[in-house]
Amino acid sequence: MAEKQRIVIVNGPNLNLLGAREPNQYGHESLESINRRLAELAGEIGAECEFLQFNGEGDLVAAIQAAAGADGVILNAGAYTHYSFAIRDAIAAVAAPVVEVHLSNVHSREEFRHTSVLAPVCRGVIAGFGADSYFLALRALVGASGRLI
């Protein structure tokens, strides 16, 4: 049997409040529920997930650096997406491909959310599909054969 792909899912500030925080913008599902469903999907497609959530920028940088040996990283950096050059540099420094995700369509929101300083160093960006953004990112990182694409 082929070795499972290791995907690290890193969530940034305030995502621990999903389900209670601005449900009209982010939905009613908790981060724990999304993580459980991601773990189920990962098992079905030949991957395993590690789940991390931090509110501090330095913790996110450290998590990305620690994921350097992973097969892929799914990152929702929250508001740091729009101004954290430290997180951008961490992404650029690791070999693991990173997919930036957002629950909401950041391009239909406030002007400051329209620019991501992370996107240029990420494999791709998925936004606006609610929790499904994470599932699309997982499927994008792990191909049908269980090999990274």
N, C-alpha and C. Protein backbone atom coordinates (compact mmCIF):
# COMPACT_ATOMS: atom_id res chain seq x y z
N MET A 1 0.84 -1.19 0.00
CA MET A 1 0.00 0.00 0.00
C MET A 1 0.88 1.24 0.00
N ALA A 2 0.50 2.24 -0.78
CA ALA A 2 1.26 3.48 -0.90
C ALA A 2 1.22 4.26 0.41
N GLU A 3 2.30 4.97 0.66
CA GLU A 3 2.38 5.80 1.85
C GLU A 3 1.40 6.97 1.73
N LYS A 4 0.74 7.30 2.81
CA LYS A 4 -0.23 8.41 2.80
C LYS A 4 0.50 9.74 2.70
N GLN A 5 -0.10 10.64 1.95
CA GLN A 5 0.42 12.00 1.84
C GLN A 5 0.10 12.75 3.14
N ARG A 6 1.06 13.52 3.62
CA ARG A 6 0.89 14.30 4.86
C ARG A 6 0.57 15.75 4.49
N ILE A 7 -0.63 16.17 4.87
CA ILE A 7 -1.08 17.54 4.60
C ILE A 7 -1.28 18.25 5.94
N VAL A 8 -0.65 19.40 6.07
CA VAL A 8 -0.78 20.20 7.28
C VAL A 8 -1.75 21.34 7.00
N ILE A 9 -2.75 21.46 7.85
CA ILE A 9 -3.76 22.50 7.68
C ILE A 9 -3.56 23.52 8.80
N VAL A 10 -3.22 24.74 8.38
CA VAL A 10 -2.86 25.79 9.32
C VAL A 10 -3.92 26.90 9.23
N ASN A 11 -4.54 27.18 10.36
CA ASN A 11 -5.56 28.23 10.44
C ASN A 11 -5.07 29.36 11.31
N GLY A 12 -5.37 30.57 10.87
CA GLY A 12 -4.92 31.76 11.56
C GLY A 12 -5.91 32.35 12.53
N PRO A 13 -5.75 33.66 12.78
CA PRO A 13 -6.50 34.32 13.85
C PRO A 13 -8.01 34.28 13.66
N ASN A 14 -8.67 34.06 14.76
CA ASN A 14 -10.13 34.08 14.89
C ASN A 14 -10.84 32.89 14.25
N LEU A 15 -10.11 32.01 13.58
CA LEU A 15 -10.78 30.86 12.98
C LEU A 15 -11.21 29.85 14.02
N ASN A 16 -10.66 29.94 15.22
CA ASN A 16 -11.13 29.11 16.33
C ASN A 16 -12.55 29.49 16.75
N LEU A 17 -13.03 30.63 16.27
CA LEU A 17 -14.38 31.10 16.62
C LEU A 17 -15.41 30.79 15.54
N LEU A 18 -15.03 30.01 14.53
CA LEU A 18 -15.97 29.68 13.47
C LEU A 18 -17.22 29.04 14.05
N GLY A 19 -18.34 29.36 13.45
CA GLY A 19 -19.63 28.88 13.93
C GLY A 19 -20.32 29.91 14.79
N ALA A 20 -19.53 30.68 15.53
CA ALA A 20 -20.08 31.73 16.37
C ALA A 20 -19.74 33.11 15.82
N ARG A 21 -18.63 33.23 15.15
CA ARG A 21 -18.14 34.51 14.64
C ARG A 21 -18.77 34.84 13.28
N GLU A 22 -19.49 35.93 13.22
CA GLU A 22 -20.07 36.42 11.97
C GLU A 22 -20.56 35.29 11.07
N PRO A 23 -21.55 34.52 11.53
CA PRO A 23 -22.01 33.37 10.75
C PRO A 23 -22.56 33.74 9.37
N ASN A 24 -23.04 34.98 9.23
CA ASN A 24 -23.51 35.40 7.91
C ASN A 24 -22.37 35.50 6.91
N GLN A 25 -21.15 35.68 7.40
CA GLN A 25 -19.97 35.78 6.54
C GLN A 25 -19.22 34.45 6.44
N TYR A 26 -19.14 33.72 7.55
CA TYR A 26 -18.28 32.54 7.62
C TYR A 26 -19.03 31.23 7.82
N GLY A 27 -20.34 31.28 7.97
CA GLY A 27 -21.13 30.08 8.14
C GLY A 27 -21.30 29.68 9.60
N HIS A 28 -22.02 28.60 9.81
CA HIS A 28 -22.36 28.14 11.15
C HIS A 28 -21.52 26.96 11.61
N GLU A 29 -20.69 26.42 10.74
CA GLU A 29 -19.91 25.23 11.09
C GLU A 29 -18.66 25.60 11.88
N SER A 30 -18.36 24.84 12.91
CA SER A 30 -17.18 25.10 13.73
C SER A 30 -15.92 24.58 13.04
N LEU A 31 -14.78 25.10 13.46
CA LEU A 31 -13.50 24.64 12.92
C LEU A 31 -13.31 23.16 13.24
N GLU A 32 -13.73 22.73 14.42
CA GLU A 32 -13.60 21.32 14.81
C GLU A 32 -14.38 20.42 13.85
N SER A 33 -15.57 20.85 13.48
CA SER A 33 -16.39 20.07 12.56
C SER A 33 -15.75 20.01 11.17
N ILE A 34 -15.25 21.14 10.69
CA ILE A 34 -14.56 21.15 9.40
C ILE A 34 -13.36 20.21 9.45
N ASN A 35 -12.60 20.27 10.52
CA ASN A 35 -11.42 19.41 10.65
C ASN A 35 -11.79 17.93 10.65
N ARG A 36 -12.86 17.58 11.34
CA ARG A 36 -13.30 16.17 11.35
C ARG A 36 -13.65 15.71 9.94
N ARG A 37 -14.37 16.55 9.21
CA ARG A 37 -14.75 16.18 7.84
C ARG A 37 -13.54 16.12 6.91
N LEU A 38 -12.57 17.01 7.13
CA LEU A 38 -11.35 16.96 6.33
C LEU A 38 -10.57 15.69 6.60
N ALA A 39 -10.51 15.28 7.84
CA ALA A 39 -9.80 14.04 8.19
C ALA A 39 -10.46 12.84 7.51
N GLU A 40 -11.79 12.84 7.45
CA GLU A 40 -12.52 11.75 6.77
C GLU A 40 -12.19 11.73 5.28
N LEU A 41 -12.24 12.89 4.64
CA LEU A 41 -11.92 12.96 3.22
C LEU A 41 -10.47 12.55 2.97
N ALA A 42 -9.58 13.01 3.81
CA ALA A 42 -8.17 12.67 3.65
C ALA A 42 -7.99 11.15 3.65
N GLY A 43 -8.64 10.48 4.58
CA GLY A 43 -8.54 9.02 4.64
C GLY A 43 -9.05 8.36 3.38
N GLU A 44 -10.09 8.92 2.80
CA GLU A 44 -10.67 8.36 1.58
C GLU A 44 -9.76 8.52 0.36
N ILE A 45 -8.96 9.59 0.34
CA ILE A 45 -8.14 9.86 -0.85
C ILE A 45 -6.65 9.60 -0.63
N GLY A 46 -6.31 8.93 0.46
CA GLY A 46 -4.92 8.52 0.66
C GLY A 46 -4.03 9.56 1.30
N ALA A 47 -4.59 10.34 2.20
CA ALA A 47 -3.80 11.35 2.89
C ALA A 47 -4.11 11.31 4.38
N GLU A 48 -3.30 12.01 5.12
CA GLU A 48 -3.58 12.24 6.54
C GLU A 48 -3.31 13.70 6.82
N CYS A 49 -4.11 14.26 7.72
CA CYS A 49 -4.02 15.68 8.01
C CYS A 49 -3.57 15.94 9.44
N GLU A 50 -2.82 17.00 9.57
CA GLU A 50 -2.46 17.55 10.88
C GLU A 50 -3.12 18.92 10.94
N PHE A 51 -3.79 19.23 12.04
CA PHE A 51 -4.56 20.46 12.14
C PHE A 51 -3.95 21.39 13.18
N LEU A 52 -3.71 22.64 12.78
CA LEU A 52 -3.13 23.64 13.67
C LEU A 52 -3.93 24.93 13.56
N GLN A 53 -4.03 25.65 14.66
CA GLN A 53 -4.69 26.95 14.66
C GLN A 53 -3.96 27.85 15.64
N PHE A 54 -3.58 29.03 15.17
CA PHE A 54 -2.89 30.00 16.01
C PHE A 54 -3.44 31.39 15.72
N ASN A 55 -3.49 32.21 16.76
CA ASN A 55 -3.92 33.59 16.58
C ASN A 55 -2.75 34.53 16.33
N GLY A 56 -1.54 34.12 16.70
CA GLY A 56 -0.37 34.98 16.58
C GLY A 56 0.43 34.74 15.31
N GLU A 57 0.94 35.81 14.75
CA GLU A 57 1.71 35.75 13.51
C GLU A 57 2.96 34.88 13.65
N GLY A 58 3.70 35.04 14.73
CA GLY A 58 4.92 34.26 14.93
C GLY A 58 4.64 32.77 15.02
N ASP A 59 3.52 32.40 15.64
CA ASP A 59 3.14 30.99 15.72
C ASP A 59 2.83 30.43 14.34
N LEU A 60 2.21 31.24 13.48
CA LEU A 60 1.91 30.80 12.12
C LEU A 60 3.19 30.61 11.32
N VAL A 61 4.14 31.53 11.47
CA VAL A 61 5.44 31.40 10.81
C VAL A 61 6.12 30.10 11.25
N ALA A 62 6.13 29.85 12.54
CA ALA A 62 6.76 28.63 13.06
C ALA A 62 6.07 27.37 12.55
N ALA A 63 4.74 27.41 12.46
CA ALA A 63 3.99 26.25 11.96
C ALA A 63 4.31 25.97 10.49
N ILE A 64 4.41 27.01 9.70
CA ILE A 64 4.75 26.84 8.28
C ILE A 64 6.17 26.29 8.15
N GLN A 65 7.09 26.83 8.91
CA GLN A 65 8.47 26.32 8.88
C GLN A 65 8.52 24.85 9.29
N ALA A 66 7.75 24.48 10.30
CA ALA A 66 7.74 23.09 10.78
C ALA A 66 7.11 22.16 9.75
N ALA A 67 6.28 22.69 8.87
CA ALA A 67 5.62 21.88 7.84
C ALA A 67 6.47 21.73 6.59
N ALA A 68 7.70 22.17 6.64
CA ALA A 68 8.57 22.14 5.45
C ALA A 68 8.66 20.76 4.81
N GLY A 69 8.61 19.71 5.61
CA GLY A 69 8.72 18.35 5.08
C GLY A 69 7.40 17.70 4.72
N ALA A 70 6.31 18.42 4.88
CA ALA A 70 5.00 17.87 4.55
C ALA A 70 4.83 17.79 3.04
N ASP A 71 3.85 17.04 2.62
CA ASP A 71 3.54 16.93 1.20
C ASP A 71 2.72 18.12 0.70
N GLY A 72 2.13 18.86 1.61
CA GLY A 72 1.37 20.05 1.25
C GLY A 72 0.84 20.75 2.48
N VAL A 73 0.53 22.02 2.31
CA VAL A 73 -0.01 22.85 3.39
C VAL A 73 -1.24 23.57 2.86
N ILE A 74 -2.30 23.53 3.65
CA ILE A 74 -3.48 24.34 3.39
C ILE A 74 -3.46 25.44 4.44
N LEU A 75 -3.46 26.68 3.99
CA LEU A 75 -3.30 27.81 4.90
C LEU A 75 -4.44 28.80 4.77
N ASN A 76 -5.12 29.05 5.88
CA ASN A 76 -6.06 30.16 5.98
C ASN A 76 -5.44 31.10 7.00
N ALA A 77 -4.75 32.10 6.52
CA ALA A 77 -4.03 33.03 7.40
C ALA A 77 -4.91 34.16 7.91
N GLY A 78 -6.20 34.12 7.57
CA GLY A 78 -7.10 35.17 8.03
C GLY A 78 -6.61 36.53 7.59
N ALA A 79 -6.75 37.51 8.44
CA ALA A 79 -6.38 38.89 8.10
C ALA A 79 -4.90 39.04 7.78
N TYR A 80 -4.04 38.15 8.30
CA TYR A 80 -2.61 38.23 7.98
C TYR A 80 -2.34 38.08 6.49
N THR A 81 -3.28 37.49 5.77
CA THR A 81 -3.15 37.31 4.32
C THR A 81 -2.81 38.62 3.62
N HIS A 82 -3.31 39.71 4.15
CA HIS A 82 -3.26 40.97 3.43
C HIS A 82 -2.06 41.84 3.78
N TYR A 83 -1.26 41.43 4.79
CA TYR A 83 -0.14 42.30 5.14
C TYR A 83 1.06 41.60 5.78
N SER A 84 1.02 40.28 5.97
CA SER A 84 2.12 39.64 6.68
C SER A 84 3.22 39.16 5.73
N PHE A 85 4.25 39.99 5.65
CA PHE A 85 5.41 39.60 4.84
C PHE A 85 6.22 38.53 5.55
N ALA A 86 6.10 38.42 6.88
CA ALA A 86 6.78 37.35 7.61
C ALA A 86 6.21 35.99 7.23
N ILE A 87 4.88 35.89 7.11
CA ILE A 87 4.25 34.64 6.69
C ILE A 87 4.60 34.36 5.23
N ARG A 88 4.58 35.38 4.40
CA ARG A 88 4.96 35.21 2.99
C ARG A 88 6.38 34.64 2.89
N ASP A 89 7.32 35.20 3.66
CA ASP A 89 8.69 34.72 3.61
C ASP A 89 8.80 33.28 4.10
N ALA A 90 8.01 32.91 5.10
CA ALA A 90 8.02 31.52 5.58
C ALA A 90 7.53 30.57 4.49
N ILE A 91 6.48 30.95 3.79
CA ILE A 91 5.96 30.12 2.70
C ILE A 91 7.03 29.95 1.62
N ALA A 92 7.67 31.06 1.25
CA ALA A 92 8.70 31.02 0.20
C ALA A 92 9.90 30.17 0.61
N ALA A 93 10.13 30.04 1.91
CA ALA A 93 11.31 29.33 2.41
C ALA A 93 11.14 27.82 2.49
N VAL A 94 9.90 27.32 2.41
CA VAL A 94 9.69 25.88 2.56
C VAL A 94 9.40 25.24 1.21
N ALA A 95 9.75 23.98 1.10
CA ALA A 95 9.55 23.25 -0.16
C ALA A 95 8.11 22.79 -0.34
N ALA A 96 7.39 22.61 0.74
CA ALA A 96 6.01 22.11 0.65
C ALA A 96 5.13 23.10 -0.11
N PRO A 97 4.32 22.61 -1.05
CA PRO A 97 3.40 23.51 -1.74
C PRO A 97 2.30 23.96 -0.78
N VAL A 98 1.96 25.24 -0.86
CA VAL A 98 0.96 25.83 0.02
C VAL A 98 -0.22 26.31 -0.82
N VAL A 99 -1.43 25.95 -0.38
CA VAL A 99 -2.65 26.46 -1.00
C VAL A 99 -3.30 27.40 0.01
N GLU A 100 -3.49 28.64 -0.41
CA GLU A 100 -4.15 29.65 0.42
C GLU A 100 -5.66 29.45 0.28
N VAL A 101 -6.38 29.41 1.41
CA VAL A 101 -7.83 29.27 1.37
C VAL A 101 -8.51 30.36 2.18
N HIS A 102 -9.74 30.65 1.75
CA HIS A 102 -10.60 31.59 2.47
C HIS A 102 -12.03 31.09 2.39
N LEU A 103 -12.74 31.18 3.47
CA LEU A 103 -14.15 30.78 3.50
C LEU A 103 -15.00 31.74 2.66
N SER A 104 -14.75 33.02 2.82
CA SER A 104 -15.54 34.02 2.10
C SER A 104 -14.85 34.41 0.80
N ASN A 105 -15.60 35.06 -0.06
CA ASN A 105 -15.03 35.60 -1.29
C ASN A 105 -14.39 36.93 -0.93
N VAL A 106 -13.10 36.93 -0.67
CA VAL A 106 -12.42 38.13 -0.21
C VAL A 106 -12.48 39.26 -1.24
N HIS A 107 -12.69 38.92 -2.50
CA HIS A 107 -12.73 39.93 -3.56
C HIS A 107 -14.06 40.67 -3.62
N SER A 108 -15.06 40.17 -2.91
CA SER A 108 -16.35 40.86 -2.86
C SER A 108 -16.55 41.60 -1.54
N ARG A 109 -15.47 41.68 -0.77
CA ARG A 109 -15.56 42.31 0.55
C ARG A 109 -14.82 43.64 0.56
N GLU A 110 -14.39 44.08 1.71
CA GLU A 110 -13.71 45.36 1.85
C GLU A 110 -12.46 45.41 0.95
N GLU A 111 -12.16 46.60 0.50
CA GLU A 111 -11.04 46.81 -0.43
C GLU A 111 -9.72 46.22 0.09
N PHE A 112 -9.44 46.38 1.38
CA PHE A 112 -8.16 45.90 1.90
C PHE A 112 -8.01 44.39 1.78
N ARG A 113 -9.13 43.66 1.65
CA ARG A 113 -9.08 42.20 1.53
C ARG A 113 -8.83 41.74 0.09
N HIS A 114 -8.82 42.64 -0.85
CA HIS A 114 -8.67 42.26 -2.25
C HIS A 114 -7.25 41.87 -2.61
N THR A 115 -6.28 42.22 -1.80
CA THR A 115 -4.88 41.92 -2.09
C THR A 115 -4.34 40.91 -1.08
N SER A 116 -3.72 39.87 -1.61
CA SER A 116 -3.04 38.88 -0.78
C SER A 116 -1.54 39.01 -1.03
N VAL A 117 -0.78 39.25 0.03
CA VAL A 117 0.67 39.26 -0.13
C VAL A 117 1.22 37.83 -0.15
N LEU A 118 0.37 36.85 0.20
CA LEU A 118 0.79 35.45 0.23
C LEU A 118 0.63 34.76 -1.11
N ALA A 119 -0.38 35.13 -1.87
CA ALA A 119 -0.73 34.43 -3.11
C ALA A 119 0.44 34.24 -4.07
N PRO A 120 1.32 35.22 -4.26
CA PRO A 120 2.40 35.02 -5.23
C PRO A 120 3.37 33.89 -4.88
N VAL A 121 3.41 33.47 -3.61
CA VAL A 121 4.31 32.38 -3.24
C VAL A 121 3.56 31.08 -2.91
N CYS A 122 2.26 31.08 -3.18
CA CYS A 122 1.44 29.89 -2.95
C CYS A 122 1.22 29.14 -4.26
N ARG A 123 0.96 27.84 -4.16
CA ARG A 123 0.63 27.03 -5.34
C ARG A 123 -0.66 27.51 -5.97
N GLY A 124 -1.64 27.91 -5.12
CA GLY A 124 -2.91 28.41 -5.61
C GLY A 124 -3.71 29.03 -4.49
N VAL A 125 -4.85 29.61 -4.88
CA VAL A 125 -5.74 30.27 -3.93
C VAL A 125 -7.16 29.80 -4.22
N ILE A 126 -7.88 29.42 -3.14
CA ILE A 126 -9.28 29.03 -3.26
C ILE A 126 -10.06 29.85 -2.25
N ALA A 127 -11.06 30.58 -2.74
CA ALA A 127 -11.82 31.47 -1.86
C ALA A 127 -13.29 31.49 -2.25
N GLY A 128 -14.13 31.68 -1.24
CA GLY A 128 -15.52 31.96 -1.49
C GLY A 128 -16.47 30.78 -1.47
N PHE A 129 -15.96 29.60 -1.13
CA PHE A 129 -16.81 28.41 -1.15
C PHE A 129 -17.12 27.90 0.25
N GLY A 130 -17.00 28.76 1.24
CA GLY A 130 -17.24 28.34 2.61
C GLY A 130 -16.27 27.24 3.00
N ALA A 131 -16.74 26.30 3.81
CA ALA A 131 -15.89 25.19 4.25
C ALA A 131 -15.39 24.38 3.07
N ASP A 132 -16.14 24.37 1.97
CA ASP A 132 -15.70 23.61 0.80
C ASP A 132 -14.38 24.10 0.24
N SER A 133 -13.98 25.34 0.55
CA SER A 133 -12.67 25.83 0.11
C SER A 133 -11.56 24.90 0.60
N TYR A 134 -11.68 24.42 1.83
CA TYR A 134 -10.68 23.50 2.38
C TYR A 134 -10.69 22.16 1.64
N PHE A 135 -11.87 21.67 1.33
CA PHE A 135 -11.99 20.37 0.67
C PHE A 135 -11.45 20.44 -0.76
N LEU A 136 -11.70 21.55 -1.42
CA LEU A 136 -11.15 21.75 -2.77
C LEU A 136 -9.63 21.81 -2.72
N ALA A 137 -9.09 22.48 -1.71
CA ALA A 137 -7.64 22.57 -1.56
C ALA A 137 -7.03 21.19 -1.30
N LEU A 138 -7.67 20.40 -0.45
CA LEU A 138 -7.17 19.06 -0.16
C LEU A 138 -7.16 18.21 -1.42
N ARG A 139 -8.24 18.27 -2.18
CA ARG A 139 -8.31 17.50 -3.43
C ARG A 139 -7.28 18.01 -4.44
N ALA A 140 -7.00 19.31 -4.43
CA ALA A 140 -6.01 19.86 -5.35
C ALA A 140 -4.60 19.40 -5.00
N LEU A 141 -4.33 19.24 -3.71
CA LEU A 141 -2.99 18.82 -3.29
C LEU A 141 -2.76 17.33 -3.46
N VAL A 142 -3.81 16.54 -3.30
CA VAL A 142 -3.68 15.09 -3.37
C VAL A 142 -4.46 14.59 -4.58
N GLY A 143 -3.78 14.07 -5.56
CA GLY A 143 -4.44 13.58 -6.77
C GLY A 143 -5.14 12.25 -6.51
N ALA A 144 -5.86 11.78 -7.51
CA ALA A 144 -6.62 10.53 -7.40
C ALA A 144 -5.73 9.35 -7.08
N SER A 145 -4.49 9.41 -7.49
CA SER A 145 -3.58 8.28 -7.23
C SER A 145 -2.95 8.36 -5.84
N GLY A 146 -3.30 9.40 -5.10
CA GLY A 146 -2.71 9.58 -3.77
C GLY A 146 -1.35 10.24 -3.85
N ARG A 147 -0.98 10.70 -5.02
CA ARG A 147 0.30 11.38 -5.19
C ARG A 147 0.05 12.88 -5.32
N LEU A 148 0.97 13.65 -4.82
CA LEU A 148 0.84 15.10 -4.88
C LEU A 148 0.85 15.57 -6.33
N ILE A 149 -0.04 16.49 -6.63
CA ILE A 149 -0.06 17.06 -7.98
C ILE A 149 0.45 18.48 -7.96
